[in-house]
Amino acid sequence: MLRVAVVGSGPSGVYTAQALLNQSLVPEVRVHVLDRLSTPYGLVRYGVAPDHEKIKSLQNSLRAVLEDERVAFVGHVQIGGADGVPPARLAELYHAVVYCVGAAADRPLAVPGEELPGSCSATRFVSWYSAHPDSAPDDFALRARSAVVIGVGNVAVDVARILARGADELRATDVPPAALGALAGSRVREVHIVGRRGPSQARFTTKELRELGALPGARILVDPAELARDPAYAASDGLPLPAVVRRNLEVLRGWAVRGEPAPSGAVYDRSGATHEPYGPSGAVYGPSGAVSDGGRRIRLRFFLRPVELLERGGRVAGVRFARTVPDGAGGVQDTDTYEDIEAQLVLRAVGYRGVELPGLPFDPVRGTVPHAAGRVLRDGVPSPGEYVAGWIKRGPTGVIGSNRSCAKETVASLIEDAPLLARRPAADDPLAVLRAWGQRPVEWDGWLSIERAEEALGRSLGRGPVKIPDWSGLLAAARGEER
């Protein structure tokens, strides 16, 4: 029998377990899916927006893998760190270990003022409204009037949509009560989504983009002059563009020609001389296409690079952007024009980054574990029994489904190595050893108890299941204790 530990119960970890079950060369495989959290599903539970029910339903297919009799979910087990099990010791318990630990850190802007109160990562904001137990209570300056989201990927669109969506619409989701109450009291009326490059280089999907235009009571504002600066946008009818880019440009073009123009922020050059706004900031209309005067405004901005977060009264008060233009080589370059956008809340959504797991080799430049087809490399040589899959293997790229092929490649390497791996010693009862080492695993029955507790919490609030947002509550629920 081949015993394998998969560290991480998000999509990459569960797809790795599934690939191990589906291979036919090694008939007897037993998989322990370990996770630091007491709950499974990783970013599907704690990263997918609560109003994306279809994507969140992916939990059902992940659940089917974890319920297989050859697989065991083992939550609340720390690997690495001062209180965790070192990778070298974990390797003593299994014939092979596959690390699927994702990319937990966000990329900084590296500009002055980034650490001001009111400025934080979109990752932290997502964790807050997703009830991640590591998330500290916060109101995220929702008493702000204006918010700036820096980045033009799906995460940026998600957080902007949550800021612009009414709390009543989120009541049917699993958003925890504290976050729902804070969103209900939000005074944010202006949300800017800002990218340093053009619309053809934005990373959001068309589905996410269109959802912004379907928000009740929200107005979309797009700057036609900014769109026109993108060479692909200007010549999109004659260029062989990727399908998603072409569809995105069609949506933006439709928004840009509707409604009435609206003013932009303060614009000035290096001398400090103020100019008229840089073109109209765009079309204003509601979901039906009719011009709307109420609700919240969402401004999609392009060719603006953040250079400084502005301060007033010890908090963030705005963002200073340098106007950029295409450089002819696929990138952008600064001009002598700047624009200040008022904001009392700034969320950066410019990408994720892998975090070093003590005891594993790590490439600090790429933010990944060095590997060859999923085999962990130590000093350039494959380390027997150690593998990686997911974002810690390839970097934070692709969509959830990209993890399937990634996992299959890693598992193919593992199965190729299986004859040698099977000769390694492995524990008959790894969980007993983990407990002896001070870990307190939450197994599948414990997770089912958490599910029941979240259903009960939702019923008490007149809602569907509502997530328990804190460590103590989750662990008490896993033990079947009432709060």
Protein backbone atom coordinates (compact mmCIF):
# COMPACT_ATOMS: atom_id res chain seq x y z
CA MET A 1 0.00 0.00 0.00
CA LEU A 2 1.25 3.47 -0.91
CA ARG A 3 0.54 6.11 1.76
CA VAL A 4 0.50 9.71 0.51
CA ALA A 5 -0.02 12.97 2.38
CA VAL A 6 -1.41 15.93 0.45
CA VAL A 7 -0.83 19.21 2.29
CA GLY A 8 -3.67 21.57 1.43
CA SER A 9 -7.38 20.82 0.87
CA GLY A 10 -8.12 23.46 -1.75
CA PRO A 11 -8.74 22.56 -5.40
CA SER A 12 -5.10 21.70 -6.16
CA GLY A 13 -4.90 19.39 -3.14
CA VAL A 14 -8.21 17.65 -3.79
CA TYR A 15 -7.46 17.30 -7.51
CA THR A 16 -4.14 15.71 -6.53
CA ALA A 17 -5.98 13.22 -4.32
CA GLN A 18 -8.44 12.54 -7.14
CA ALA A 19 -5.62 11.92 -9.63
CA LEU A 20 -4.06 9.46 -7.19
CA LEU A 21 -7.34 7.57 -6.92
CA ASN A 22 -7.89 7.54 -10.68
CA GLN A 23 -4.48 6.16 -11.68
CA SER A 24 -4.30 2.42 -12.28
CA LEU A 25 -0.61 1.55 -11.96
CA VAL A 26 -0.62 1.45 -8.16
CA PRO A 27 -3.82 -0.34 -7.09
CA GLU A 28 -3.64 0.39 -3.37
CA VAL A 29 -3.28 4.05 -2.41
CA ARG A 30 -4.37 5.76 0.79
CA VAL A 31 -4.38 9.56 0.92
CA HIS A 32 -4.48 11.89 3.91
CA VAL A 33 -5.44 15.43 2.88
CA LEU A 34 -3.94 17.65 5.59
CA ASP A 35 -4.88 21.28 6.17
CA ARG A 36 -3.93 23.96 8.67
CA LEU A 37 -7.59 24.98 8.83
CA SER A 38 -10.29 22.86 10.44
CA THR A 39 -12.39 23.23 7.28
CA PRO A 40 -11.75 21.88 3.76
CA TYR A 41 -11.93 23.45 0.28
CA GLY A 42 -9.35 26.25 0.64
CA LEU A 43 -10.03 29.24 -1.60
CA VAL A 44 -13.34 27.80 -2.77
CA ARG A 45 -14.61 28.34 0.78
CA TYR A 46 -12.52 31.39 1.68
CA GLY A 47 -11.74 33.09 -1.63
CA VAL A 48 -14.70 32.76 -3.96
CA ALA A 49 -17.12 35.68 -3.56
CA PRO A 50 -20.23 34.77 -1.53
CA ASP A 51 -22.58 35.83 -4.34
CA HIS A 52 -20.91 33.41 -6.79
CA GLU A 53 -23.03 30.43 -5.86
CA LYS A 54 -22.27 28.46 -9.02
CA ILE A 55 -18.51 28.55 -8.41
CA LYS A 56 -18.96 27.84 -4.71
CA SER A 57 -20.99 24.76 -5.66
CA LEU A 58 -17.65 23.28 -6.77
CA GLN A 59 -17.43 22.23 -3.12
CA ASN A 60 -19.83 19.40 -3.99
CA SER A 61 -17.39 17.78 -6.41
CA LEU A 62 -14.47 18.34 -4.03
CA ARG A 63 -16.55 16.79 -1.27
CA ALA A 64 -17.09 13.62 -3.31
CA VAL A 65 -13.32 13.07 -3.42
CA LEU A 66 -12.86 13.70 0.29
CA GLU A 67 -15.66 11.26 1.12
CA ASP A 68 -13.98 8.43 -0.78
CA GLU A 69 -13.06 5.60 1.60
CA ARG A 70 -9.44 5.77 0.39
CA VAL A 71 -9.15 9.43 1.41
CA ALA A 72 -9.18 11.05 4.85
CA PHE A 73 -9.50 14.78 5.53
CA VAL A 74 -7.26 15.78 8.44
CA GLY A 75 -7.76 19.42 9.38
CA HIS A 76 -6.19 21.62 12.06
CA VAL A 77 -2.70 20.22 11.42
CA GLN A 78 0.12 22.73 11.14
CA ILE A 79 3.01 21.84 8.84
CA GLY A 80 6.15 23.93 9.32
CA GLY A 81 6.65 26.88 11.63
CA ALA A 82 7.38 27.01 15.35
CA ASP A 83 4.29 25.00 16.34
CA GLY A 84 4.11 22.79 13.29
CA VAL A 85 5.44 19.49 12.04
CA PRO A 86 8.63 20.03 10.00
CA PRO A 87 8.52 18.62 6.46
CA ALA A 88 11.40 16.27 7.33
CA ARG A 89 9.35 14.69 10.14
CA LEU A 90 6.19 14.55 8.04
CA ALA A 91 8.19 12.59 5.44
CA GLU A 92 8.76 9.91 8.11
CA LEU A 93 5.03 9.15 8.23
CA TYR A 94 4.24 8.73 4.52
CA HIS A 95 5.80 7.24 1.42
CA ALA A 96 5.27 10.58 -0.33
CA VAL A 97 4.12 14.11 0.51
CA VAL A 98 2.59 16.51 -2.03
CA TYR A 99 2.56 20.17 -0.99
CA CYS A 100 -0.41 22.12 -2.36
CA VAL A 101 -0.16 25.15 -0.10
CA GLY A 102 -1.09 27.83 -2.63
CA ALA A 103 0.15 31.43 -2.62
CA ALA A 104 -0.96 32.99 0.63
CA ALA A 105 0.66 36.45 0.43
CA ASP A 106 -0.40 39.42 -1.68
CA ARG A 107 1.90 41.59 -3.74
CA PRO A 108 2.57 45.09 -2.35
CA LEU A 109 2.39 48.27 -4.39
CA ALA A 110 5.74 49.46 -2.99
CA VAL A 111 4.70 53.13 -2.99
CA PRO A 112 4.82 55.76 -0.23
CA GLY A 113 1.78 55.74 2.06
CA GLU A 114 0.86 52.12 1.42
CA GLU A 115 0.86 51.36 5.16
CA LEU A 116 -1.58 54.14 6.06
CA PRO A 117 -4.77 53.13 7.90
CA GLY A 118 -7.51 52.62 5.35
CA SER A 119 -5.09 50.94 2.91
CA CYS A 120 -4.94 47.15 2.82
CA SER A 121 -4.83 44.17 0.53
CA ALA A 122 -7.89 42.87 -1.28
CA THR A 123 -6.86 39.47 0.11
CA ARG A 124 -7.49 40.70 3.64
CA PHE A 125 -10.83 42.22 2.62
CA VAL A 126 -11.90 38.94 0.96
CA SER A 127 -10.87 36.96 4.05
CA TRP A 128 -12.98 39.28 6.20
CA TYR A 129 -16.23 38.92 4.29
CA SER A 130 -15.50 35.21 3.70
CA ALA A 131 -15.17 34.57 7.48
CA HIS A 132 -11.60 33.27 7.35
CA PRO A 133 -10.64 32.49 10.96
CA ASP A 134 -7.32 34.34 10.61
CA SER A 135 -9.14 37.56 9.69
CA ALA A 136 -9.28 40.14 12.48
CA PRO A 137 -12.51 42.09 13.07
CA ASP A 138 -12.52 45.28 11.01
CA ASP A 139 -14.97 47.68 9.38
CA PHE A 140 -12.51 48.43 6.54
CA ALA A 141 -13.28 52.13 6.59
CA LEU A 142 -16.72 51.42 5.16
CA ARG A 143 -17.74 54.83 6.46
CA ALA A 144 -15.62 56.09 3.57
CA ARG A 145 -17.30 57.88 0.69
CA SER A 146 -14.92 56.72 -2.01
CA ALA A 147 -12.89 53.53 -2.48
CA VAL A 148 -10.10 52.76 -4.94
CA VAL A 149 -9.38 49.17 -5.98
CA ILE A 150 -5.97 48.93 -7.64
CA GLY A 151 -5.84 46.07 -10.12
CA VAL A 152 -7.93 44.82 -13.04
CA GLY A 153 -8.28 41.09 -12.37
CA ASN A 154 -11.20 39.05 -11.09
CA VAL A 155 -10.29 39.69 -7.44
CA ALA A 156 -10.46 43.45 -8.06
CA VAL A 157 -13.86 43.07 -9.72
CA ASP A 158 -15.07 40.83 -6.87
CA VAL A 159 -14.24 43.28 -4.10
CA ALA A 160 -15.62 46.22 -6.07
CA ARG A 161 -18.85 44.30 -6.63
CA ILE A 162 -19.17 43.47 -2.91
CA LEU A 163 -18.63 47.14 -2.04
CA ALA A 164 -21.29 48.19 -4.54
CA ARG A 165 -23.81 45.44 -3.83
CA GLY A 166 -26.52 46.07 -1.25
CA ALA A 167 -26.35 44.10 2.00
CA ASP A 168 -29.89 42.85 1.46
CA GLU A 169 -28.68 40.98 -1.63
CA LEU A 170 -25.91 39.34 0.42
CA ARG A 171 -28.25 38.25 3.20
CA ALA A 172 -29.00 35.05 1.30
CA THR A 173 -25.28 34.14 1.28
CA ASP A 174 -23.00 32.78 4.00
CA VAL A 175 -21.41 36.17 4.85
CA PRO A 176 -20.94 36.30 8.65
CA PRO A 177 -23.20 38.64 10.66
CA ALA A 178 -20.48 41.15 11.60
CA ALA A 179 -19.38 41.65 8.00
CA LEU A 180 -22.97 41.78 6.76
CA GLY A 181 -23.80 44.44 9.35
CA ALA A 182 -20.76 46.51 8.40
CA LEU A 183 -21.64 46.30 4.70
CA ALA A 184 -25.23 47.29 5.49
CA GLY A 185 -23.92 50.45 7.15
CA SER A 186 -21.41 51.22 4.40
CA ARG A 187 -21.32 54.80 3.13
CA VAL A 188 -19.18 53.96 0.11
CA ARG A 189 -20.82 55.47 -2.95
CA GLU A 190 -17.90 55.68 -5.37
CA VAL A 191 -15.72 52.70 -6.32
CA HIS A 192 -12.81 53.12 -8.73
CA ILE A 193 -11.21 50.06 -10.37
CA VAL A 194 -7.85 51.21 -11.72
CA GLY A 195 -5.24 49.54 -13.90
CA ARG A 196 -1.85 50.81 -15.04
CA ARG A 197 -2.25 49.28 -18.50
CA GLY A 198 -5.06 49.22 -21.05
CA PRO A 199 -8.34 47.31 -21.21
CA SER A 200 -6.95 44.68 -23.60
CA GLN A 201 -4.43 43.67 -20.91
CA ALA A 202 -6.93 43.45 -18.05
CA ARG A 203 -7.15 40.02 -16.42
CA PHE A 204 -10.83 39.88 -15.53
CA THR A 205 -13.15 37.45 -17.30
CA THR A 206 -16.09 38.72 -19.32
CA LYS A 207 -18.59 37.10 -16.97
CA GLU A 208 -17.14 39.00 -14.00
CA LEU A 209 -17.09 42.22 -15.98
CA ARG A 210 -20.71 41.92 -17.09
CA GLU A 211 -21.82 41.29 -13.51
CA LEU A 212 -20.81 44.85 -12.65
CA GLY A 213 -23.30 46.19 -15.17
CA ALA A 214 -26.05 44.03 -13.71
CA LEU A 215 -25.81 45.38 -10.15
CA PRO A 216 -29.12 46.96 -9.09
CA GLY A 217 -28.74 50.63 -8.27
CA ALA A 218 -25.15 50.87 -9.51
CA ARG A 219 -23.90 53.07 -12.35
CA ILE A 220 -20.94 52.13 -14.54
CA LEU A 221 -18.66 54.93 -15.70
CA VAL A 222 -16.02 54.35 -18.37
CA ASP A 223 -13.65 56.89 -19.92
CA PRO A 224 -13.81 56.62 -23.74
CA ALA A 225 -10.54 58.54 -24.06
CA GLU A 226 -8.75 55.97 -21.91
CA LEU A 227 -10.16 53.09 -23.94
CA ALA A 228 -9.10 54.75 -27.17
CA ARG A 229 -5.45 54.86 -26.02
CA ASP A 230 -5.27 51.06 -26.17
CA PRO A 231 -4.04 50.08 -29.67
CA ALA A 232 -5.92 46.78 -29.45
CA TYR A 233 -9.13 48.57 -28.52
CA ALA A 234 -8.81 51.05 -31.36
CA ALA A 235 -8.16 48.31 -33.94
CA SER A 236 -9.96 45.39 -32.31
CA ASP A 237 -12.13 44.73 -35.36
CA GLY A 238 -9.10 43.84 -37.45
CA LEU A 239 -6.81 42.17 -34.92
CA PRO A 240 -6.74 38.42 -34.07
CA LEU A 241 -7.39 38.97 -30.36
CA PRO A 242 -7.99 36.23 -27.78
CA ALA A 243 -11.71 35.57 -27.36
CA VAL A 244 -11.88 36.84 -23.77
CA VAL A 245 -10.11 40.08 -24.72
CA ARG A 246 -12.43 40.64 -27.66
CA ARG A 247 -15.51 40.06 -25.49
CA ASN A 248 -14.20 42.37 -22.76
CA LEU A 249 -13.59 45.13 -25.27
CA GLU A 250 -17.10 44.71 -26.66
CA VAL A 251 -18.57 45.14 -23.17
CA LEU A 252 -16.45 48.21 -22.49
CA ARG A 253 -17.25 49.70 -25.89
CA GLY A 254 -20.96 49.30 -25.17
CA TRP A 255 -20.59 51.07 -21.84
CA ALA A 256 -18.49 53.87 -23.31
CA VAL A 257 -21.09 54.97 -25.87
CA ARG A 258 -24.08 55.08 -23.50
CA GLY A 259 -25.24 57.71 -21.07
CA GLU A 260 -23.74 61.00 -20.05
CA PRO A 261 -20.13 62.00 -19.36
CA ALA A 262 -19.02 62.63 -15.79
CA PRO A 263 -15.98 64.55 -14.45
CA SER A 264 -12.78 62.84 -13.42
CA GLY A 265 -10.23 63.61 -10.66
CA ALA A 266 -7.79 66.51 -10.38
CA VAL A 267 -5.19 66.34 -13.16
CA TYR A 268 -1.86 68.19 -13.21
CA ASP A 269 1.63 68.03 -14.67
CA ARG A 270 5.06 67.89 -13.02
CA SER A 271 5.05 71.65 -12.50
CA GLY A 272 1.88 71.33 -10.43
CA ALA A 273 -0.27 73.18 -12.97
CA THR A 274 -3.83 71.88 -12.90
CA HIS A 275 -5.52 70.93 -16.16
CA GLU A 276 -9.01 70.02 -17.19
CA PRO A 277 -9.94 66.41 -16.44
CA TYR A 278 -8.30 63.94 -18.78
CA GLY A 279 -11.30 63.41 -21.02
CA PRO A 280 -14.77 62.53 -19.75
CA SER A 281 -14.83 59.75 -17.18
CA GLY A 282 -17.48 58.03 -19.14
CA ALA A 283 -20.86 56.56 -19.62
CA VAL A 284 -23.37 56.53 -16.77
CA TYR A 285 -26.27 54.10 -16.89
CA GLY A 286 -28.18 51.48 -14.96
CA PRO A 287 -28.69 47.74 -15.67
CA SER A 288 -31.49 48.51 -18.14
CA GLY A 289 -29.30 50.93 -20.07
CA ALA A 290 -31.24 53.95 -18.80
CA VAL A 291 -29.31 56.85 -17.33
CA SER A 292 -29.44 56.59 -13.54
CA ASP A 293 -28.91 59.18 -10.82
CA GLY A 294 -29.02 57.12 -7.61
CA GLY A 295 -27.08 54.36 -5.90
CA ARG A 296 -23.38 53.74 -6.18
CA ARG A 297 -20.98 54.54 -9.01
CA ILE A 298 -18.31 52.16 -10.31
CA ARG A 299 -15.60 53.79 -12.42
CA LEU A 300 -13.38 51.62 -14.60
CA ARG A 301 -10.08 53.45 -15.18
CA PHE A 302 -7.06 52.50 -17.29
CA PHE A 303 -3.52 53.76 -17.97
CA LEU A 304 -3.03 55.04 -14.41
CA ARG A 305 -0.11 53.82 -12.27
CA PRO A 306 -0.21 54.42 -8.50
CA VAL A 307 2.80 56.42 -7.28
CA GLU A 308 1.70 57.52 -3.79
CA LEU A 309 -1.12 57.12 -1.30
CA LEU A 310 -2.12 60.52 0.07
CA GLU A 311 -2.70 61.19 3.77
CA ARG A 312 -5.06 63.37 5.75
CA GLY A 313 -5.59 63.17 9.48
CA GLY A 314 -3.35 60.12 9.82
CA ARG A 315 -5.38 58.04 7.33
CA VAL A 316 -5.40 57.45 3.61
CA ALA A 317 -7.25 60.22 1.78
CA GLY A 318 -6.54 59.44 -1.86
CA VAL A 319 -4.22 57.96 -4.45
CA ARG A 320 -1.86 59.84 -6.75
CA PHE A 321 -1.56 58.19 -10.15
CA ALA A 322 0.86 58.79 -13.01
CA ARG A 323 -0.82 58.79 -16.40
CA THR A 324 0.71 56.06 -18.59
CA VAL A 325 0.67 55.45 -22.32
CA PRO A 326 1.51 52.36 -24.39
CA ASP A 327 5.23 52.03 -25.05
CA GLY A 328 4.85 50.12 -28.31
CA ALA A 329 6.33 46.92 -26.85
CA GLY A 330 3.35 45.64 -24.87
CA GLY A 331 4.08 47.69 -21.78
CA VAL A 332 3.46 51.25 -20.65
CA GLN A 333 5.52 54.31 -19.79
CA ASP A 334 4.78 57.29 -17.57
CA THR A 335 3.89 60.70 -18.92
CA ASP A 336 4.28 64.07 -17.23
CA THR A 337 0.63 64.02 -16.16
CA TYR A 338 -0.70 62.96 -12.76
CA GLU A 339 -4.15 62.50 -11.33
CA ASP A 340 -5.32 62.42 -7.72
CA ILE A 341 -8.38 60.32 -6.90
CA GLU A 342 -10.05 60.85 -3.55
CA ALA A 343 -10.41 57.67 -1.48
CA GLN A 344 -10.75 56.87 2.19
CA LEU A 345 -10.41 53.15 1.43
CA VAL A 346 -7.74 51.67 -0.86
CA LEU A 347 -7.62 47.96 -1.68
CA ARG A 348 -4.70 46.58 -3.65
CA ALA A 349 -5.45 43.58 -5.88
CA VAL A 350 -2.27 43.24 -7.90
CA GLY A 351 -1.61 39.54 -7.45
CA TYR A 352 -0.67 36.80 -5.02
CA ARG A 353 2.70 35.44 -4.00
CA GLY A 354 3.85 32.13 -2.55
CA VAL A 355 5.21 32.02 1.00
CA GLU A 356 8.21 29.97 2.06
CA LEU A 357 7.37 26.87 4.08
CA PRO A 358 10.27 26.30 6.49
CA GLY A 359 11.98 23.05 5.63
CA LEU A 360 11.21 23.20 1.91
CA PRO A 361 13.43 24.83 -0.72
CA PHE A 362 12.03 28.12 -2.02
CA ASP A 363 12.68 30.44 -4.94
CA PRO A 364 12.16 33.96 -3.49
CA VAL A 365 12.09 35.56 -6.93
CA ARG A 366 9.33 33.37 -8.37
CA GLY A 367 7.63 32.71 -5.04
CA THR A 368 7.52 28.97 -5.76
CA VAL A 369 9.17 25.72 -4.73
CA PRO A 370 11.78 24.62 -7.31
CA HIS A 371 10.59 21.45 -9.05
CA ALA A 372 10.87 19.26 -12.11
CA ALA A 373 7.44 18.05 -13.29
CA GLY A 374 6.25 18.37 -9.69
CA ARG A 375 9.28 16.70 -8.06
CA VAL A 376 10.77 19.01 -5.41
CA LEU A 377 14.36 19.94 -6.22
CA ARG A 378 16.94 20.32 -3.48
CA ASP A 379 20.15 21.81 -4.81
CA GLY A 380 18.91 20.98 -8.30
CA VAL A 381 18.32 17.29 -7.54
CA PRO A 382 14.87 15.66 -7.09
CA SER A 383 14.15 15.00 -3.42
CA PRO A 384 12.71 11.49 -3.00
CA GLY A 385 9.11 11.51 -1.80
CA GLU A 386 8.57 15.30 -1.99
CA TYR A 387 6.27 16.88 -4.59
CA VAL A 388 4.35 20.10 -5.26
CA ALA A 389 1.18 21.02 -7.13
CA GLY A 390 -0.91 24.16 -7.58
CA TRP A 391 0.21 27.75 -7.14
CA ILE A 392 3.23 26.89 -4.98
CA LYS A 393 4.43 24.85 -7.98
CA ARG A 394 3.65 27.11 -10.94
CA GLY A 395 2.87 30.52 -9.41
CA PRO A 396 -0.54 32.22 -9.05
CA THR A 397 -1.74 31.68 -12.59
CA GLY A 398 -4.78 30.16 -14.26
CA VAL A 399 -8.29 29.47 -13.00
CA ILE A 400 -9.53 26.80 -10.60
CA GLY A 401 -9.70 24.23 -13.39
CA SER A 402 -6.02 24.79 -14.22
CA ASN A 403 -5.17 22.83 -11.10
CA ARG A 404 -6.44 19.59 -12.65
CA SER A 405 -3.73 19.29 -15.30
CA CYS A 406 -1.15 20.59 -12.84
CA ALA A 407 -2.10 17.87 -10.33
CA LYS A 408 -2.10 15.17 -13.01
CA GLU A 409 1.46 16.05 -14.02
CA THR A 410 2.67 15.83 -10.42
CA VAL A 411 0.84 12.58 -9.76
CA ALA A 412 2.31 11.07 -12.96
CA SER A 413 5.78 11.82 -11.55
CA LEU A 414 4.85 10.35 -8.17
CA ILE A 415 3.46 7.15 -9.69
CA GLU A 416 6.55 6.80 -11.85
CA ASP A 417 8.60 6.94 -8.63
CA ALA A 418 6.24 4.61 -6.74
CA PRO A 419 8.41 1.44 -6.89
CA LEU A 420 11.18 3.27 -5.03
CA LEU A 421 8.80 5.17 -2.74
CA ALA A 422 7.12 1.98 -1.57
CA ARG A 423 10.43 0.80 -0.12
CA ARG A 424 10.56 3.79 2.22
CA PRO A 425 9.27 3.35 5.77
CA ALA A 426 5.82 4.79 6.59
CA ALA A 427 3.72 4.88 9.75
CA ASP A 428 0.80 2.47 10.10
CA ASP A 429 -1.21 5.18 11.88
CA PRO A 430 0.09 8.64 10.95
CA LEU A 431 -2.71 10.41 12.86
CA ALA A 432 -1.67 8.77 16.13
CA VAL A 433 1.87 10.02 15.57
CA LEU A 434 0.63 13.53 14.74
CA ARG A 435 -1.33 13.58 17.99
CA ALA A 436 1.74 12.40 19.88
CA TRP A 437 3.61 15.34 18.34
CA GLY A 438 1.08 17.80 19.77
CA GLN A 439 -1.31 18.22 16.83
CA ARG A 440 -5.08 18.05 17.42
CA PRO A 441 -6.54 16.91 14.10
CA VAL A 442 -10.12 17.67 13.07
CA GLU A 443 -11.29 14.75 10.97
CA TRP A 444 -14.24 14.49 8.57
CA ASP A 445 -16.79 13.94 11.34
CA GLY A 446 -15.55 17.15 12.95
CA TRP A 447 -16.06 19.03 9.69
CA LEU A 448 -19.60 17.65 9.44
CA SER A 449 -20.23 18.97 12.96
CA ILE A 450 -19.03 22.41 11.80
CA GLU A 451 -21.44 22.24 8.86
CA ARG A 452 -24.33 21.45 11.20
CA ALA A 453 -23.36 24.31 13.51
CA GLU A 454 -23.27 26.75 10.57
CA GLU A 455 -26.70 25.58 9.45
CA ALA A 456 -28.00 26.14 12.99
CA LEU A 457 -26.42 29.59 13.11
CA GLY A 458 -28.11 30.48 9.84
CA ARG A 459 -31.50 29.27 11.07
CA SER A 460 -31.18 31.39 14.20
CA LEU A 461 -30.65 34.43 11.95
CA GLY A 462 -33.42 33.56 9.51
CA ARG A 463 -30.85 32.79 6.80
CA GLY A 464 -29.26 29.82 5.09
CA PRO A 465 -25.97 28.40 6.43
CA VAL A 466 -23.74 31.17 7.84
CA LYS A 467 -20.01 30.69 8.34
CA ILE A 468 -18.48 30.62 11.81
CA PRO A 469 -15.75 33.28 11.55
CA ASP A 470 -13.32 32.45 14.39
CA TRP A 471 -10.97 29.67 15.45
CA SER A 472 -12.56 29.05 18.84
CA GLY A 473 -16.03 28.79 17.34
CA LEU A 474 -14.90 26.40 14.60
CA LEU A 475 -13.03 24.13 17.01
CA ALA A 476 -15.92 24.12 19.49
CA ALA A 477 -18.29 23.20 16.66
CA ALA A 478 -15.94 20.43 15.52
CA ARG A 479 -16.15 18.97 19.02
CA GLY A 480 -19.94 19.27 19.00
CA GLU A 481 -19.97 21.95 21.69
CA GLU A 482 -22.63 24.68 21.76
CA ARG A 483 -21.45 28.28 21.96
